[in-house]
Amino acid sequence: MSEGTLTMEDEGQEPRQVGVGEAIVEPLNSPMRVSNEGDEPVEIVVFQISPPEGEFLEQLPRERSRGSSCK
């Protein structure tokens, strides 16, 4: 995270806040939801390491009015 705060929801876990200077590691094929619940913009840097035949992100249907769902 280089700016702002995100709320992350990993499947089967409680939501957590990720702020400036923090990094996360997500296992492959692990559904998660990331949303900006605040009023300030968020800026993130993403490094993706995965098998070449795999997709970078898979958009899942939204279950809430705010946020993005990715797998």
C-alpha atoms as a PDB file:
ATOM      1  CA  MET A   1       0.000   0.000   0.000  1.00  0.00           C
ATOM      2  CA  SER A   2       1.391   3.343  -0.950  1.00  0.00           C
ATOM      3  CA  GLU A   3      -1.657   5.488  -0.128  1.00  0.00           C
ATOM      4  CA  GLY A   4      -4.897   5.035   1.820  1.00  0.00           C
ATOM      5  CA  THR A   5      -6.418   2.050   3.611  1.00  0.00           C
ATOM      6  CA  LEU A   6      -8.186  -1.000   2.181  1.00  0.00           C
ATOM      7  CA  THR A   7     -10.444  -3.540   3.794  1.00  0.00           C
ATOM      8  CA  MET A   8      -9.515  -7.094   2.772  1.00  0.00           C
ATOM      9  CA  GLU A   9     -11.774 -10.085   3.187  1.00  0.00           C
ATOM     10  CA  ASP A  10     -10.192 -13.495   2.604  1.00  0.00           C
ATOM     11  CA  GLU A  11     -12.589 -16.410   2.249  1.00  0.00           C
ATOM     12  CA  GLY A  12     -13.272 -17.905   5.690  1.00  0.00           C
ATOM     13  CA  GLN A  13     -11.500 -15.129   7.646  1.00  0.00           C
ATOM     14  CA  GLU A  14     -12.511 -11.917   9.347  1.00  0.00           C
ATOM     15  CA  PRO A  15     -12.036  -8.657   7.375  1.00  0.00           C
ATOM     16  CA  ARG A  16      -8.790  -6.800   8.073  1.00  0.00           C
ATOM     17  CA  GLN A  17      -7.436  -3.330   7.365  1.00  0.00           C
ATOM     18  CA  VAL A  18      -4.326  -2.880   5.209  1.00  0.00           C
ATOM     19  CA  GLY A  19      -2.629   0.526   5.345  1.00  0.00           C
ATOM     20  CA  VAL A  20       0.303   2.491   3.974  1.00  0.00           C
ATOM     21  CA  GLY A  21       3.592   0.607   4.138  1.00  0.00           C
ATOM     22  CA  GLU A  22       1.957  -2.803   4.634  1.00  0.00           C
ATOM     23  CA  ALA A  23       2.329  -5.728   2.263  1.00  0.00           C
ATOM     24  CA  ILE A  24       0.222  -8.860   1.898  1.00  0.00           C
ATOM     25  CA  VAL A  25       0.720 -12.285   0.363  1.00  0.00           C
ATOM     26  CA  GLU A  26      -2.273 -14.113  -1.056  1.00  0.00           C
ATOM     27  CA  PRO A  27      -2.136 -17.798  -2.033  1.00  0.00           C
ATOM     28  CA  LEU A  28      -3.125 -18.669  -5.609  1.00  0.00           C
ATOM     29  CA  ASN A  29      -6.795 -19.488  -6.192  1.00  0.00           C
ATOM     30  CA  SER A  30      -7.812 -17.991  -2.856  1.00  0.00           C
ATOM     31  CA  PRO A  31     -10.994 -15.883  -3.234  1.00  0.00           C
ATOM     32  CA  MET A  32     -10.799 -12.450  -1.613  1.00  0.00           C
ATOM     33  CA  ARG A  33     -12.616  -9.109  -1.619  1.00  0.00           C
ATOM     34  CA  VAL A  34     -10.835  -5.765  -1.452  1.00  0.00           C
ATOM     35  CA  SER A  35     -12.708  -2.510  -0.894  1.00  0.00           C
ATOM     36  CA  ASN A  36     -12.036   1.111  -0.101  1.00  0.00           C
ATOM     37  CA  GLU A  37     -14.497   1.844   2.695  1.00  0.00           C
ATOM     38  CA  GLY A  38     -13.114   5.349   3.302  1.00  0.00           C
ATOM     39  CA  ASP A  39     -13.379   8.688   1.544  1.00  0.00           C
ATOM     40  CA  GLU A  40      -9.694   8.947   0.578  1.00  0.00           C
ATOM     41  CA  PRO A  41      -8.221   7.421  -2.594  1.00  0.00           C
ATOM     42  CA  VAL A  42      -6.175   4.238  -2.388  1.00  0.00           C
ATOM     43  CA  GLU A  43      -3.017   3.455  -4.344  1.00  0.00           C
ATOM     44  CA  ILE A  44      -1.516  -0.025  -4.406  1.00  0.00           C
ATOM     45  CA  VAL A  45       1.405  -1.721  -6.131  1.00  0.00           C
ATOM     46  CA  VAL A  46       0.767  -5.320  -7.220  1.00  0.00           C
ATOM     47  CA  PHE A  47       3.392  -7.956  -8.005  1.00  0.00           C
ATOM     48  CA  GLN A  48       1.797 -11.090  -9.458  1.00  0.00           C
ATOM     49  CA  ILE A  49       3.720 -14.351  -9.625  1.00  0.00           C
ATOM     50  CA  SER A  50       1.709 -17.241 -11.006  1.00  0.00           C
ATOM     51  CA  PRO A  51       1.879 -20.007 -13.604  1.00  0.00           C
ATOM     52  CA  PRO A  52       1.962 -18.572 -17.146  1.00  0.00           C
ATOM     53  CA  GLU A  53      -1.252 -20.379 -18.103  1.00  0.00           C
ATOM     54  CA  GLY A  54      -3.190 -18.806 -15.219  1.00  0.00           C
ATOM     55  CA  GLU A  55      -5.295 -15.650 -15.321  1.00  0.00           C
ATOM     56  CA  PHE A  56      -4.082 -12.558 -13.481  1.00  0.00           C
ATOM     57  CA  LEU A  57      -7.492 -11.736 -11.959  1.00  0.00           C
ATOM     58  CA  GLU A  58     -10.944 -13.215 -12.274  1.00  0.00           C
ATOM     59  CA  GLN A  59     -13.778 -10.768 -11.562  1.00  0.00           C
ATOM     60  CA  LEU A  60     -16.491 -12.342  -9.417  1.00  0.00           C
ATOM     61  CA  PRO A  61     -20.059 -11.019  -9.074  1.00  0.00           C
ATOM     62  CA  ARG A  62     -20.482  -8.241  -6.526  1.00  0.00           C
ATOM     63  CA  GLU A  63     -22.336  -9.153  -3.371  1.00  0.00           C
ATOM     64  CA  ARG A  64     -22.290  -5.641  -1.924  1.00  0.00           C
ATOM     65  CA  SER A  65     -22.762  -2.163  -3.312  1.00  0.00           C
ATOM     66  CA  ARG A  66     -19.068  -1.191  -2.785  1.00  0.00           C
ATOM     67  CA  GLY A  67     -15.798  -2.955  -3.396  1.00  0.00           C
ATOM     68  CA  SER A  68     -14.251  -5.325  -5.881  1.00  0.00           C
ATOM     69  CA  SER A  69     -14.117  -9.073  -5.830  1.00  0.00           C
ATOM     70  CA  CYS A  70     -11.133 -10.837  -7.294  1.00  0.00           C
ATOM     71  CA  LYS A  71      -9.840 -14.366  -7.306  1.00  0.00           C
END
